[in-house]
């Protein structure tokens, strides 16, 4: 999230454009075995992202694998650990 604007009752979030695969699809269709350490790293990464969002006094309210993207570079380059991004802020409050 780059910016937050309050436009007279409307909240506008300026977010990064991410090309990637939903985590749910990545886990179903990937031949990669996720190690326990990678899973812990991902959880830590997601918690830091949520903490950042909460610092603006907003809650996502719909965290699930479909709303977590695996970046396109990481999903294509098996030597690089994929980066996760939270998406779909439609239920945010």
N, C-alpha and C. Protein backbone atom coordinates (compact mmCIF):
# COMPACT_ATOMS: atom_id res chain seq x y z
N UNK A 1 0.85 -1.16 0.00
CA UNK A 1 0.00 0.00 0.00
C UNK A 1 0.90 1.23 0.00
N UNK A 2 0.69 2.09 -0.99
CA UNK A 2 1.52 3.27 -1.11
C UNK A 2 0.92 4.49 -0.42
N UNK A 3 -0.41 4.66 -0.57
CA UNK A 3 -1.05 5.85 -0.01
C UNK A 3 -2.47 5.52 0.40
N UNK A 4 -3.01 6.34 1.32
CA UNK A 4 -4.41 6.27 1.73
C UNK A 4 -4.96 7.69 1.65
N UNK A 5 -6.12 7.85 1.01
CA UNK A 5 -6.76 9.16 0.89
C UNK A 5 -8.20 9.06 1.36
N UNK A 6 -8.64 10.02 2.15
CA UNK A 6 -10.04 10.12 2.57
C UNK A 6 -10.69 11.20 1.73
N UNK A 7 -11.58 10.79 0.84
CA UNK A 7 -12.23 11.72 -0.07
C UNK A 7 -13.68 11.92 0.33
N UNK A 8 -13.91 12.55 1.47
CA UNK A 8 -15.26 12.86 1.92
C UNK A 8 -16.15 11.64 2.08
N UNK A 9 -15.71 10.70 2.86
CA UNK A 9 -16.51 9.49 3.09
C UNK A 9 -16.06 8.30 2.27
N UNK A 10 -15.23 8.52 1.28
CA UNK A 10 -14.67 7.42 0.49
C UNK A 10 -13.19 7.30 0.82
N UNK A 11 -12.77 6.09 1.09
CA UNK A 11 -11.36 5.83 1.34
C UNK A 11 -10.76 5.26 0.06
N UNK A 12 -9.70 5.88 -0.40
CA UNK A 12 -9.01 5.43 -1.62
C UNK A 12 -7.64 4.90 -1.20
N UNK A 13 -7.36 3.65 -1.57
CA UNK A 13 -6.07 3.03 -1.31
C UNK A 13 -5.28 2.97 -2.61
N UNK A 14 -4.05 3.41 -2.59
CA UNK A 14 -3.17 3.29 -3.74
C UNK A 14 -2.28 2.08 -3.48
N UNK A 15 -2.50 1.03 -4.28
CA UNK A 15 -1.85 -0.25 -4.06
C UNK A 15 -0.91 -0.59 -5.20
N UNK A 16 0.00 -1.47 -4.94
CA UNK A 16 0.94 -1.96 -5.94
C UNK A 16 0.20 -2.90 -6.91
N UNK A 17 0.53 -2.80 -8.20
CA UNK A 17 0.01 -3.74 -9.18
C UNK A 17 0.91 -4.97 -9.14
N UNK A 18 0.33 -6.12 -8.84
CA UNK A 18 1.10 -7.35 -8.72
C UNK A 18 0.57 -8.37 -9.71
N UNK A 19 1.45 -8.89 -10.53
CA UNK A 19 1.09 -9.99 -11.41
C UNK A 19 1.54 -11.26 -10.70
N UNK A 20 0.60 -12.13 -10.43
CA UNK A 20 0.95 -13.34 -9.72
C UNK A 20 -0.17 -14.35 -9.75
N UNK A 21 0.01 -15.37 -8.96
CA UNK A 21 -0.92 -16.49 -8.88
C UNK A 21 -1.48 -16.54 -7.47
N UNK A 22 -2.80 -16.72 -7.31
CA UNK A 22 -3.32 -16.90 -5.95
C UNK A 22 -2.62 -18.07 -5.25
N UNK A 23 -2.36 -17.91 -3.97
CA UNK A 23 -1.67 -18.94 -3.21
C UNK A 23 -2.40 -20.27 -3.29
N UNK A 24 -3.73 -20.24 -3.31
CA UNK A 24 -4.50 -21.49 -3.40
C UNK A 24 -4.17 -22.23 -4.69
N UNK A 25 -4.08 -21.53 -5.82
CA UNK A 25 -3.72 -22.17 -7.09
C UNK A 25 -2.27 -22.62 -7.10
N UNK A 26 -1.39 -21.80 -6.55
CA UNK A 26 0.03 -22.13 -6.49
C UNK A 26 0.23 -23.44 -5.74
N UNK A 27 -0.44 -23.61 -4.62
CA UNK A 27 -0.28 -24.82 -3.80
C UNK A 27 -0.87 -26.05 -4.51
N UNK A 28 -1.97 -25.88 -5.23
CA UNK A 28 -2.60 -27.00 -5.93
C UNK A 28 -1.81 -27.43 -7.17
N UNK A 29 -1.31 -26.42 -7.91
CA UNK A 29 -0.74 -26.70 -9.23
C UNK A 29 0.78 -26.74 -9.27
N UNK A 30 1.42 -26.45 -8.18
CA UNK A 30 2.88 -26.38 -8.17
C UNK A 30 3.48 -27.73 -7.81
N UNK A 31 4.61 -28.02 -8.41
CA UNK A 31 5.34 -29.24 -8.08
C UNK A 31 6.34 -28.99 -6.96
N UNK A 32 6.34 -27.78 -6.43
CA UNK A 32 7.28 -27.40 -5.39
C UNK A 32 6.75 -27.88 -4.04
N UNK A 33 7.60 -28.56 -3.29
CA UNK A 33 7.26 -28.92 -1.91
C UNK A 33 7.68 -27.76 -1.02
N UNK A 34 6.73 -27.24 -0.28
CA UNK A 34 7.01 -26.12 0.61
C UNK A 34 7.56 -26.67 1.92
N UNK A 35 8.76 -26.24 2.27
CA UNK A 35 9.36 -26.71 3.52
C UNK A 35 8.73 -25.97 4.69
N UNK A 36 8.93 -26.52 5.87
CA UNK A 36 8.41 -25.88 7.07
C UNK A 36 9.01 -24.48 7.23
N UNK A 37 10.30 -24.33 6.92
CA UNK A 37 10.94 -23.02 7.05
C UNK A 37 10.34 -22.00 6.10
N UNK A 38 10.06 -22.41 4.85
CA UNK A 38 9.44 -21.50 3.89
C UNK A 38 8.04 -21.11 4.37
N UNK A 39 7.28 -22.06 4.89
CA UNK A 39 5.94 -21.76 5.41
C UNK A 39 6.03 -20.77 6.56
N UNK A 40 7.00 -20.95 7.45
CA UNK A 40 7.19 -20.00 8.56
C UNK A 40 7.59 -18.62 8.04
N UNK A 41 8.46 -18.58 7.04
CA UNK A 41 8.87 -17.30 6.44
C UNK A 41 7.68 -16.59 5.83
N UNK A 42 6.82 -17.35 5.13
CA UNK A 42 5.62 -16.77 4.52
C UNK A 42 4.67 -16.23 5.58
N UNK A 43 4.48 -16.99 6.64
CA UNK A 43 3.60 -16.52 7.73
C UNK A 43 4.14 -15.22 8.31
N UNK A 44 5.45 -15.17 8.53
CA UNK A 44 6.07 -13.96 9.07
C UNK A 44 5.88 -12.79 8.12
N UNK A 45 6.09 -13.03 6.83
CA UNK A 45 5.92 -11.99 5.81
C UNK A 45 4.48 -11.46 5.80
N UNK A 46 3.52 -12.37 5.88
CA UNK A 46 2.11 -11.96 5.88
C UNK A 46 1.74 -11.19 7.14
N UNK A 47 2.25 -11.62 8.27
CA UNK A 47 1.97 -10.92 9.52
C UNK A 47 2.55 -9.51 9.51
N UNK A 48 3.73 -9.35 8.94
CA UNK A 48 4.31 -8.01 8.82
C UNK A 48 3.46 -7.12 7.90
N UNK A 49 2.95 -7.70 6.82
CA UNK A 49 2.09 -6.94 5.90
C UNK A 49 0.80 -6.52 6.59
N UNK A 50 0.20 -7.43 7.36
CA UNK A 50 -1.02 -7.09 8.09
C UNK A 50 -0.75 -6.05 9.16
N UNK A 51 0.38 -6.16 9.84
CA UNK A 51 0.74 -5.17 10.86
C UNK A 51 0.86 -3.79 10.22
N UNK A 52 1.46 -3.73 9.04
CA UNK A 52 1.59 -2.46 8.32
C UNK A 52 0.22 -1.89 7.99
N UNK A 53 -0.66 -2.72 7.46
CA UNK A 53 -2.01 -2.27 7.10
C UNK A 53 -2.76 -1.82 8.35
N UNK A 54 -2.62 -2.55 9.45
CA UNK A 54 -3.29 -2.20 10.70
C UNK A 54 -2.76 -0.89 11.27
N UNK A 55 -1.52 -0.54 10.94
CA UNK A 55 -0.96 0.72 11.44
C UNK A 55 -1.74 1.92 10.91
N UNK A 56 -2.50 1.74 9.83
CA UNK A 56 -3.36 2.79 9.29
C UNK A 56 -4.79 2.68 9.85
N UNK A 57 -4.97 1.77 10.81
CA UNK A 57 -6.27 1.54 11.46
C UNK A 57 -7.29 0.91 10.50
N UNK A 58 -6.81 0.08 9.59
CA UNK A 58 -7.68 -0.66 8.68
C UNK A 58 -7.52 -2.15 8.91
N UNK A 59 -8.59 -2.89 8.65
CA UNK A 59 -8.56 -4.36 8.75
C UNK A 59 -8.96 -4.93 7.40
N UNK A 60 -8.27 -5.96 6.95
CA UNK A 60 -8.54 -6.59 5.65
C UNK A 60 -9.88 -7.34 5.68
N UNK A 61 -10.12 -8.13 6.69
CA UNK A 61 -11.36 -8.87 6.96
C UNK A 61 -11.64 -10.03 6.01
N UNK A 62 -10.71 -10.40 5.15
CA UNK A 62 -10.95 -11.54 4.25
C UNK A 62 -9.64 -12.23 3.86
N UNK A 63 -8.79 -12.50 4.86
CA UNK A 63 -7.53 -13.17 4.58
C UNK A 63 -7.79 -14.65 4.34
N UNK A 64 -7.40 -15.11 3.16
CA UNK A 64 -7.53 -16.52 2.78
C UNK A 64 -6.56 -16.76 1.62
N UNK A 65 -6.24 -18.00 1.30
CA UNK A 65 -5.27 -18.28 0.23
C UNK A 65 -5.64 -17.65 -1.11
N UNK A 66 -6.93 -17.49 -1.41
CA UNK A 66 -7.32 -16.86 -2.68
C UNK A 66 -6.94 -15.38 -2.73
N UNK A 67 -6.76 -14.74 -1.57
CA UNK A 67 -6.44 -13.32 -1.51
C UNK A 67 -4.98 -13.05 -1.18
N UNK A 68 -4.15 -14.07 -1.37
CA UNK A 68 -2.71 -13.93 -1.21
C UNK A 68 -2.08 -14.34 -2.54
N UNK A 69 -1.33 -13.43 -3.13
CA UNK A 69 -0.71 -13.71 -4.43
C UNK A 69 0.75 -14.10 -4.27
N UNK A 70 1.16 -15.06 -5.07
CA UNK A 70 2.57 -15.43 -5.21
C UNK A 70 3.08 -14.65 -6.41
N UNK A 71 4.10 -13.81 -6.21
CA UNK A 71 4.56 -12.96 -7.31
C UNK A 71 4.97 -13.79 -8.52
N UNK A 72 4.78 -13.20 -9.70
CA UNK A 72 5.03 -13.91 -10.95
C UNK A 72 6.48 -14.36 -11.07
N UNK A 73 7.42 -13.52 -10.65
CA UNK A 73 8.84 -13.88 -10.77
C UNK A 73 9.16 -15.10 -9.91
N UNK A 74 8.66 -15.11 -8.68
CA UNK A 74 8.93 -16.23 -7.79
C UNK A 74 8.25 -17.50 -8.23
N UNK A 75 7.06 -17.39 -8.81
CA UNK A 75 6.36 -18.59 -9.22
C UNK A 75 6.99 -19.20 -10.48
N UNK A 76 7.71 -18.39 -11.25
CA UNK A 76 8.34 -18.91 -12.47
C UNK A 76 9.79 -19.33 -12.22
N UNK A 77 10.44 -18.69 -11.26
CA UNK A 77 11.84 -18.97 -10.98
C UNK A 77 11.91 -19.84 -9.72
N UNK A 78 12.03 -21.13 -9.90
CA UNK A 78 11.98 -22.05 -8.76
C UNK A 78 13.19 -21.92 -7.85
N UNK A 79 14.25 -21.26 -8.33
CA UNK A 79 15.43 -21.08 -7.48
C UNK A 79 15.22 -19.94 -6.49
N UNK A 80 14.28 -19.06 -6.78
CA UNK A 80 14.01 -17.91 -5.92
C UNK A 80 12.77 -18.21 -5.08
N UNK A 81 12.86 -17.91 -3.79
CA UNK A 81 11.69 -18.09 -2.94
C UNK A 81 10.65 -17.02 -3.31
N UNK A 82 9.42 -17.43 -3.64
CA UNK A 82 8.40 -16.46 -4.04
C UNK A 82 8.06 -15.47 -2.92
N UNK A 83 7.71 -14.26 -3.33
CA UNK A 83 7.24 -13.25 -2.42
C UNK A 83 5.71 -13.27 -2.43
N UNK A 84 5.11 -13.10 -1.27
CA UNK A 84 3.66 -13.08 -1.17
C UNK A 84 3.16 -11.65 -1.07
N UNK A 85 1.99 -11.41 -1.63
CA UNK A 85 1.34 -10.10 -1.58
C UNK A 85 -0.13 -10.32 -1.23
N UNK A 86 -0.65 -9.49 -0.35
CA UNK A 86 -2.07 -9.55 0.01
C UNK A 86 -2.84 -8.73 -1.01
N UNK A 87 -3.97 -9.25 -1.47
CA UNK A 87 -4.80 -8.55 -2.44
C UNK A 87 -6.26 -8.57 -2.01
N UNK A 88 -7.13 -7.99 -2.81
CA UNK A 88 -8.57 -7.93 -2.63
C UNK A 88 -8.94 -7.25 -1.31
N UNK A 89 -8.87 -5.95 -1.35
CA UNK A 89 -9.19 -5.14 -0.17
C UNK A 89 -10.65 -4.69 -0.19
N UNK A 90 -11.50 -5.38 -0.94
CA UNK A 90 -12.90 -5.01 -1.06
C UNK A 90 -13.68 -5.08 0.23
N UNK A 91 -13.26 -5.93 1.17
CA UNK A 91 -13.96 -6.05 2.45
C UNK A 91 -13.25 -5.29 3.56
N UNK A 92 -12.22 -4.54 3.21
CA UNK A 92 -11.45 -3.82 4.23
C UNK A 92 -12.31 -2.77 4.90
N UNK A 93 -12.02 -2.56 6.16
CA UNK A 93 -12.76 -1.55 6.93
C UNK A 93 -11.79 -0.83 7.84
